[in-house]
Amino acid sequence: MAGIAGAVINNGIGGAGTALSVRLMPIYDGGLPFNDHYLAEAIKYAVGAKADVILFAAGSNKPFDDEATAAIAQAETANVPLICSAGNEAKEIGQGNHVFPCEYTKTMDGVVCVAGTLEDTMNLFVKSNYASFIDAAAPATALMTTYDGGYVVNNRVSNSAAMVAGQIKEAIKHTSDPGVKSSDGKVTMPFGRVNAFKAVKSAIPAG
């Protein structure tokens, strides 16, 4: 995830990150299985350390406890968006199949949930979850990132979340390109695919 968001560009090796000159703050939240207390502490630490955005590349099928939910709300109050993945189960979520924190985007403006598309078409990645409340999609496949001292090309929806980390939720939603389709190309999704150029342009004052 770090390489997708922040790999140095134009150095002749590896890939290129989506955020130029970004400073990364790796925070270990205790690993799996989820511990809501450690997650809450990690979010509060990031907010206290003046992070501009939090990338949460994992997920749970159960709602977080009150402490962790309050920490996400604290981040929202501090204008620190939490970018998260819709998940890799090829399911419609929110209707019996749940993924958190993705589903908090329905009630919390500070949460941005991202689905995954193929790298070269508007079709969803075959493993990507989907839902009407998802904020946007971004490429999830054939992405090179840093791994264990080297590089690896992988396919997963958390890649998509890493690609949009650092952009503003409304800018992402309103500048995304419409036309994302189901993995078989038959159904058009209600969310668009991230257009980084349009999102950045929309954030720059005219003149």
C-alpha atoms as a PDB file:
ATOM      1  CA  MET A   1       0.000   0.000   0.000  1.00  0.00           C
ATOM      2  CA  ALA A   2       2.805   2.413   0.840  1.00  0.00           C
ATOM      3  CA  GLY A   3       4.351   2.010  -2.603  1.00  0.00           C
ATOM      4  CA  ILE A   4       1.086   2.680  -4.424  1.00  0.00           C
ATOM      5  CA  ALA A   5       0.433   5.842  -2.453  1.00  0.00           C
ATOM      6  CA  GLY A   6       3.952   7.174  -2.070  1.00  0.00           C
ATOM      7  CA  ALA A   7       6.615   5.550  -4.264  1.00  0.00           C
ATOM      8  CA  VAL A   8       9.136   8.118  -5.540  1.00  0.00           C
ATOM      9  CA  ILE A   9       8.636   8.943  -9.216  1.00  0.00           C
ATOM     10  CA  ASN A  10      11.151   9.428 -12.030  1.00  0.00           C
ATOM     11  CA  ASN A  11      13.956   7.478 -10.331  1.00  0.00           C
ATOM     12  CA  GLY A  12      14.138   4.673 -12.896  1.00  0.00           C
ATOM     13  CA  ILE A  13      13.075   1.868 -10.549  1.00  0.00           C
ATOM     14  CA  GLY A  14       9.826   0.288  -9.410  1.00  0.00           C
ATOM     15  CA  GLY A  15       6.528   2.108  -9.773  1.00  0.00           C
ATOM     16  CA  ALA A  16       5.226   5.621  -9.207  1.00  0.00           C
ATOM     17  CA  GLY A  17       3.077   6.653  -6.259  1.00  0.00           C
ATOM     18  CA  THR A  18      -0.110   8.677  -6.665  1.00  0.00           C
ATOM     19  CA  ALA A  19       0.915  11.312  -4.100  1.00  0.00           C
ATOM     20  CA  LEU A  20       3.998  13.417  -4.829  1.00  0.00           C
ATOM     21  CA  SER A  21       6.444  14.115  -1.975  1.00  0.00           C
ATOM     22  CA  VAL A  22       4.154  12.432   0.529  1.00  0.00           C
ATOM     23  CA  ARG A  23       5.337  11.633   4.051  1.00  0.00           C
ATOM     24  CA  LEU A  24       4.091   8.245   5.250  1.00  0.00           C
ATOM     25  CA  MET A  25       3.275   7.332   8.855  1.00  0.00           C
ATOM     26  CA  PRO A  26       3.087   3.526   9.238  1.00  0.00           C
ATOM     27  CA  ILE A  27       1.031   2.569  12.302  1.00  0.00           C
ATOM     28  CA  TYR A  28       0.666  -1.035  13.481  1.00  0.00           C
ATOM     29  CA  ASP A  29      -2.777  -1.634  14.982  1.00  0.00           C
ATOM     30  CA  GLY A  30      -2.125  -5.085  16.439  1.00  0.00           C
ATOM     31  CA  GLY A  31      -2.757  -7.152  13.318  1.00  0.00           C
ATOM     32  CA  LEU A  32      -5.403  -9.857  12.908  1.00  0.00           C
ATOM     33  CA  PRO A  33      -7.840 -10.743  14.347  1.00  0.00           C
ATOM     34  CA  PHE A  34      -9.173  -7.215  14.749  1.00  0.00           C
ATOM     35  CA  ASN A  35      -8.849  -5.546  18.095  1.00  0.00           C
ATOM     36  CA  ASP A  36     -11.112  -2.504  18.138  1.00  0.00           C
ATOM     37  CA  HIS A  37      -9.197  -0.894  20.994  1.00  0.00           C
ATOM     38  CA  TYR A  38      -5.890  -1.002  19.112  1.00  0.00           C
ATOM     39  CA  LEU A  39      -7.626   0.296  15.989  1.00  0.00           C
ATOM     40  CA  ALA A  40      -9.081   3.206  17.950  1.00  0.00           C
ATOM     41  CA  GLU A  41      -5.684   4.006  19.438  1.00  0.00           C
ATOM     42  CA  ALA A  42      -4.072   3.912  15.984  1.00  0.00           C
ATOM     43  CA  ILE A  43      -6.641   6.323  14.540  1.00  0.00           C
ATOM     44  CA  LYS A  44      -6.325   8.702  17.492  1.00  0.00           C
ATOM     45  CA  TYR A  45      -2.540   8.607  17.199  1.00  0.00           C
ATOM     46  CA  ALA A  46      -2.720   9.496  13.509  1.00  0.00           C
ATOM     47  CA  VAL A  47      -5.070  12.397  14.205  1.00  0.00           C
ATOM     48  CA  GLY A  48      -2.887  13.642  17.052  1.00  0.00           C
ATOM     49  CA  ALA A  49       0.199  13.440  14.845  1.00  0.00           C
ATOM     50  CA  LYS A  50      -1.501  15.720  12.275  1.00  0.00           C
ATOM     51  CA  ALA A  51      -1.974  13.131   9.536  1.00  0.00           C
ATOM     52  CA  ASP A  52      -3.774  14.538   6.495  1.00  0.00           C
ATOM     53  CA  VAL A  53      -5.448  11.244   5.620  1.00  0.00           C
ATOM     54  CA  ILE A  54      -5.734   7.716   7.030  1.00  0.00           C
ATOM     55  CA  LEU A  55      -5.541   4.692   4.720  1.00  0.00           C
ATOM     56  CA  PHE A  56      -7.243   1.643   6.240  1.00  0.00           C
ATOM     57  CA  ALA A  57      -6.641  -1.229   3.841  1.00  0.00           C
ATOM     58  CA  ALA A  58      -8.354  -4.001   5.828  1.00  0.00           C
ATOM     59  CA  GLY A  59     -11.971  -4.608   6.812  1.00  0.00           C
ATOM     60  CA  SER A  60     -14.335  -6.478   9.107  1.00  0.00           C
ATOM     61  CA  ASN A  61     -17.751  -8.067   8.595  1.00  0.00           C
ATOM     62  CA  LYS A  62     -18.846  -6.729  11.976  1.00  0.00           C
ATOM     63  CA  PRO A  63     -19.449  -3.115  13.042  1.00  0.00           C
ATOM     64  CA  PHE A  64     -16.697  -1.623  15.167  1.00  0.00           C
ATOM     65  CA  ASP A  65     -17.314  -1.057  18.857  1.00  0.00           C
ATOM     66  CA  ASP A  66     -18.168   2.356  20.307  1.00  0.00           C
ATOM     67  CA  GLU A  67     -14.527   3.233  21.012  1.00  0.00           C
ATOM     68  CA  ALA A  68     -13.363   2.606  17.450  1.00  0.00           C
ATOM     69  CA  THR A  69     -16.421   4.301  15.937  1.00  0.00           C
ATOM     70  CA  ALA A  70     -15.814   7.330  18.148  1.00  0.00           C
ATOM     71  CA  ALA A  71     -12.197   7.449  16.949  1.00  0.00           C
ATOM     72  CA  ILE A  72     -13.379   7.549  13.320  1.00  0.00           C
ATOM     73  CA  ALA A  73     -15.767  10.360  14.272  1.00  0.00           C
ATOM     74  CA  GLN A  74     -12.860  12.179  15.938  1.00  0.00           C
ATOM     75  CA  ALA A  75     -10.886  11.913  12.709  1.00  0.00           C
ATOM     76  CA  GLU A  76     -13.880  13.251  10.779  1.00  0.00           C
ATOM     77  CA  THR A  77     -14.159  16.232  13.136  1.00  0.00           C
ATOM     78  CA  ALA A  78     -10.452  16.919  12.598  1.00  0.00           C
ATOM     79  CA  ASN A  79     -10.972  16.794   8.797  1.00  0.00           C
ATOM     80  CA  VAL A  80      -8.826  13.666   8.480  1.00  0.00           C
ATOM     81  CA  PRO A  81     -10.607  11.387   5.974  1.00  0.00           C
ATOM     82  CA  LEU A  82     -10.398   7.622   6.394  1.00  0.00           C
ATOM     83  CA  ILE A  83      -9.980   5.878   3.022  1.00  0.00           C
ATOM     84  CA  CYS A  84     -10.971   2.205   2.987  1.00  0.00           C
ATOM     85  CA  SER A  85     -11.569  -0.730   0.667  1.00  0.00           C
ATOM     86  CA  ALA A  86     -14.909  -2.261  -0.308  1.00  0.00           C
ATOM     87  CA  GLY A  87     -13.348  -5.729  -0.034  1.00  0.00           C
ATOM     88  CA  ASN A  88     -12.489  -8.690  -2.267  1.00  0.00           C
ATOM     89  CA  GLU A  89     -15.416 -11.116  -1.988  1.00  0.00           C
ATOM     90  CA  ALA A  90     -17.225 -10.265  -5.280  1.00  0.00           C
ATOM     91  CA  LYS A  91     -20.417  -9.532  -3.331  1.00  0.00           C
ATOM     92  CA  GLU A  92     -22.961  -6.764  -3.011  1.00  0.00           C
ATOM     93  CA  ILE A  93     -22.431  -5.433   0.486  1.00  0.00           C
ATOM     94  CA  GLY A  94     -24.861  -3.803   2.879  1.00  0.00           C
ATOM     95  CA  GLN A  95     -27.581  -6.397   2.163  1.00  0.00           C
ATOM     96  CA  GLY A  96     -26.617  -9.278   4.427  1.00  0.00           C
ATOM     97  CA  ASN A  97     -22.937  -9.092   3.480  1.00  0.00           C
ATOM     98  CA  HIS A  98     -21.209  -6.415   5.506  1.00  0.00           C
ATOM     99  CA  VAL A  99     -17.824  -4.703   5.316  1.00  0.00           C
ATOM    100  CA  PHE A 100     -16.711  -2.128   7.870  1.00  0.00           C
ATOM    101  CA  PRO A 101     -15.517   0.602   7.926  1.00  0.00           C
ATOM    102  CA  CYS A 102     -16.752   0.807   4.309  1.00  0.00           C
ATOM    103  CA  GLU A 103     -20.418   0.917   5.330  1.00  0.00           C
ATOM    104  CA  TYR A 104     -19.834   3.884   7.629  1.00  0.00           C
ATOM    105  CA  THR A 105     -19.630   6.045   4.495  1.00  0.00           C
ATOM    106  CA  LYS A 106     -23.453   5.984   4.517  1.00  0.00           C
ATOM    107  CA  THR A 107     -23.550   8.088   7.681  1.00  0.00           C
ATOM    108  CA  MET A 108     -20.053   9.580   8.061  1.00  0.00           C
ATOM    109  CA  ASP A 109     -18.688  12.055   5.518  1.00  0.00           C
ATOM    110  CA  GLY A 110     -15.175  11.375   6.785  1.00  0.00           C
ATOM    111  CA  VAL A 111     -15.180   7.781   5.493  1.00  0.00           C
ATOM    112  CA  VAL A 112     -14.432   7.169   1.795  1.00  0.00           C
ATOM    113  CA  CYS A 113     -15.109   3.637   0.518  1.00  0.00           C
ATOM    114  CA  VAL A 114     -13.454   2.557  -2.733  1.00  0.00           C
ATOM    115  CA  ALA A 115     -14.244  -0.360  -5.063  1.00  0.00           C
ATOM    116  CA  GLY A 116     -11.767  -1.781  -7.590  1.00  0.00           C
ATOM    117  CA  THR A 117     -11.787  -1.807 -11.401  1.00  0.00           C
ATOM    118  CA  LEU A 118      -9.546  -3.467 -13.952  1.00  0.00           C
ATOM    119  CA  GLU A 119      -6.454  -1.478 -14.829  1.00  0.00           C
ATOM    120  CA  ASP A 120      -7.465  -0.737 -18.424  1.00  0.00           C
ATOM    121  CA  THR A 121     -11.288  -0.799 -18.541  1.00  0.00           C
ATOM    122  CA  MET A 122     -14.217   0.566 -16.550  1.00  0.00           C
ATOM    123  CA  ASN A 123     -15.322  -2.949 -15.545  1.00  0.00           C
ATOM    124  CA  LEU A 124     -15.126  -3.898 -11.902  1.00  0.00           C
ATOM    125  CA  PHE A 125     -12.317  -6.230 -10.876  1.00  0.00           C
ATOM    126  CA  VAL A 126     -13.991  -9.642 -10.660  1.00  0.00           C
ATOM    127  CA  LYS A 127     -13.242  -9.903  -6.915  1.00  0.00           C
ATOM    128  CA  SER A 128     -14.373  -6.384  -5.993  1.00  0.00           C
ATOM    129  CA  ASN A 129     -17.360  -5.910  -3.730  1.00  0.00           C
ATOM    130  CA  TYR A 130     -19.896  -3.296  -4.777  1.00  0.00           C
ATOM    131  CA  ALA A 131     -22.842  -1.299  -3.379  1.00  0.00           C
ATOM    132  CA  SER A 132     -24.907   1.768  -4.168  1.00  0.00           C
ATOM    133  CA  PHE A 133     -23.287   3.704  -1.320  1.00  0.00           C
ATOM    134  CA  ILE A 134     -19.668   3.228  -2.437  1.00  0.00           C
ATOM    135  CA  ASP A 135     -18.034   6.589  -3.109  1.00  0.00           C
ATOM    136  CA  ALA A 136     -15.835   5.739  -6.093  1.00  0.00           C
ATOM    137  CA  ALA A 137     -13.747   3.068  -7.793  1.00  0.00           C
ATOM    138  CA  ALA A 138     -10.092   3.020  -8.837  1.00  0.00           C
ATOM    139  CA  PRO A 139      -7.829   0.516 -10.621  1.00  0.00           C
ATOM    140  CA  ALA A 140      -7.108  -2.544  -8.483  1.00  0.00           C
ATOM    141  CA  THR A 141      -5.226  -4.854 -10.847  1.00  0.00           C
ATOM    142  CA  ALA A 142      -1.728  -5.182 -12.304  1.00  0.00           C
ATOM    143  CA  LEU A 143      -0.354  -2.538  -9.943  1.00  0.00           C
ATOM    144  CA  MET A 144       3.303  -2.616  -8.951  1.00  0.00           C
ATOM    145  CA  THR A 145       4.087  -1.822  -5.346  1.00  0.00           C
ATOM    146  CA  THR A 146       6.880  -2.241  -2.838  1.00  0.00           C
ATOM    147  CA  TYR A 147       7.115  -5.574  -1.039  1.00  0.00           C
ATOM    148  CA  ASP A 148       9.668  -7.152   1.319  1.00  0.00           C
ATOM    149  CA  GLY A 149      12.615  -5.122   0.061  1.00  0.00           C
ATOM    150  CA  GLY A 150      11.625  -5.397  -3.594  1.00  0.00           C
ATOM    151  CA  TYR A 151       8.594  -5.045  -5.833  1.00  0.00           C
ATOM    152  CA  VAL A 152       5.516  -7.104  -6.615  1.00  0.00           C
ATOM    153  CA  VAL A 153       2.551  -6.790  -8.970  1.00  0.00           C
ATOM    154  CA  ASN A 154      -0.723  -7.674  -7.274  1.00  0.00           C
ATOM    155  CA  ASN A 155      -4.493  -7.562  -7.686  1.00  0.00           C
ATOM    156  CA  ARG A 156      -6.682  -6.506  -4.778  1.00  0.00           C
ATOM    157  CA  VAL A 157      -9.192  -3.815  -3.924  1.00  0.00           C
ATOM    158  CA  SER A 158      -7.044  -2.328  -1.164  1.00  0.00           C
ATOM    159  CA  ASN A 159      -4.818  -1.116  -4.027  1.00  0.00           C
ATOM    160  CA  SER A 160      -7.732   1.068  -5.110  1.00  0.00           C
ATOM    161  CA  ALA A 161      -8.015   2.619  -1.662  1.00  0.00           C
ATOM    162  CA  ALA A 162      -4.301   3.410  -1.693  1.00  0.00           C
ATOM    163  CA  MET A 163      -4.658   5.150  -5.055  1.00  0.00           C
ATOM    164  CA  VAL A 164      -7.195   7.650  -3.748  1.00  0.00           C
ATOM    165  CA  ALA A 165      -5.744   8.260  -0.277  1.00  0.00           C
ATOM    166  CA  GLY A 166      -5.179  11.964   0.241  1.00  0.00           C
ATOM    167  CA  GLN A 167      -7.963  13.226  -2.004  1.00  0.00           C
ATOM    168  CA  ILE A 168     -11.094  14.884  -0.645  1.00  0.00           C
ATOM    169  CA  LYS A 169     -14.269  12.787  -0.580  1.00  0.00           C
ATOM    170  CA  GLU A 170     -16.471  15.237  -2.447  1.00  0.00           C
ATOM    171  CA  ALA A 171     -13.765  15.949  -5.018  1.00  0.00           C
ATOM    172  CA  ILE A 172     -13.419  12.213  -5.607  1.00  0.00           C
ATOM    173  CA  LYS A 173     -17.157  11.644  -5.977  1.00  0.00           C
ATOM    174  CA  HIS A 174     -17.970  14.644  -8.162  1.00  0.00           C
ATOM    175  CA  THR A 175     -15.007  14.362 -10.524  1.00  0.00           C
ATOM    176  CA  SER A 176     -15.069  10.590 -11.038  1.00  0.00           C
ATOM    177  CA  ASP A 177     -15.708   9.351 -14.572  1.00  0.00           C
ATOM    178  CA  PRO A 178     -19.108   7.621 -14.887  1.00  0.00           C
ATOM    179  CA  GLY A 179     -19.473   4.262 -16.569  1.00  0.00           C
ATOM    180  CA  VAL A 180     -18.057   1.683 -14.129  1.00  0.00           C
ATOM    181  CA  LYS A 181     -19.651  -1.676 -14.955  1.00  0.00           C
ATOM    182  CA  SER A 182     -19.981  -5.040 -13.262  1.00  0.00           C
ATOM    183  CA  SER A 183     -17.193  -7.519 -13.922  1.00  0.00           C
ATOM    184  CA  ASP A 184     -19.210  -9.064 -16.771  1.00  0.00           C
ATOM    185  CA  GLY A 185     -19.862  -5.623 -18.290  1.00  0.00           C
ATOM    186  CA  LYS A 186     -23.660  -5.945 -18.138  1.00  0.00           C
ATOM    187  CA  VAL A 187     -24.618  -3.633 -15.246  1.00  0.00           C
ATOM    188  CA  THR A 188     -23.587   0.011 -14.806  1.00  0.00           C
ATOM    189  CA  MET A 189     -22.604   0.871 -11.241  1.00  0.00           C
ATOM    190  CA  PRO A 190     -23.944   4.003  -9.469  1.00  0.00           C
ATOM    191  CA  PHE A 191     -20.398   5.236  -8.726  1.00  0.00           C
ATOM    192  CA  GLY A 192     -17.642   6.426 -11.057  1.00  0.00           C
ATOM    193  CA  ARG A 193     -13.924   5.726 -11.439  1.00  0.00           C
ATOM    194  CA  VAL A 194     -11.478   8.145  -9.824  1.00  0.00           C
ATOM    195  CA  ASN A 195     -10.037  10.779 -12.153  1.00  0.00           C
ATOM    196  CA  ALA A 196      -7.040  12.133 -10.242  1.00  0.00           C
ATOM    197  CA  PHE A 197      -6.472  15.021 -12.662  1.00  0.00           C
ATOM    198  CA  LYS A 198     -10.047  16.281 -12.345  1.00  0.00           C
ATOM    199  CA  ALA A 199      -9.984  15.882  -8.560  1.00  0.00           C
ATOM    200  CA  VAL A 200      -6.797  17.911  -8.199  1.00  0.00           C
ATOM    201  CA  LYS A 201      -7.983  20.519 -10.696  1.00  0.00           C
ATOM    202  CA  SER A 202     -11.239  20.971  -8.778  1.00  0.00           C
ATOM    203  CA  ALA A 203      -9.271  21.738  -5.614  1.00  0.00           C
ATOM    204  CA  ILE A 204      -7.227  24.528  -7.233  1.00  0.00           C
ATOM    205  CA  PRO A 205      -8.883  27.971  -7.085  1.00  0.00           C
ATOM    206  CA  ALA A 206      -9.683  29.451 -10.494  1.00  0.00           C
ATOM    207  CA  GLY A 207      -7.296  32.133 -11.744  1.00  0.00           C
END
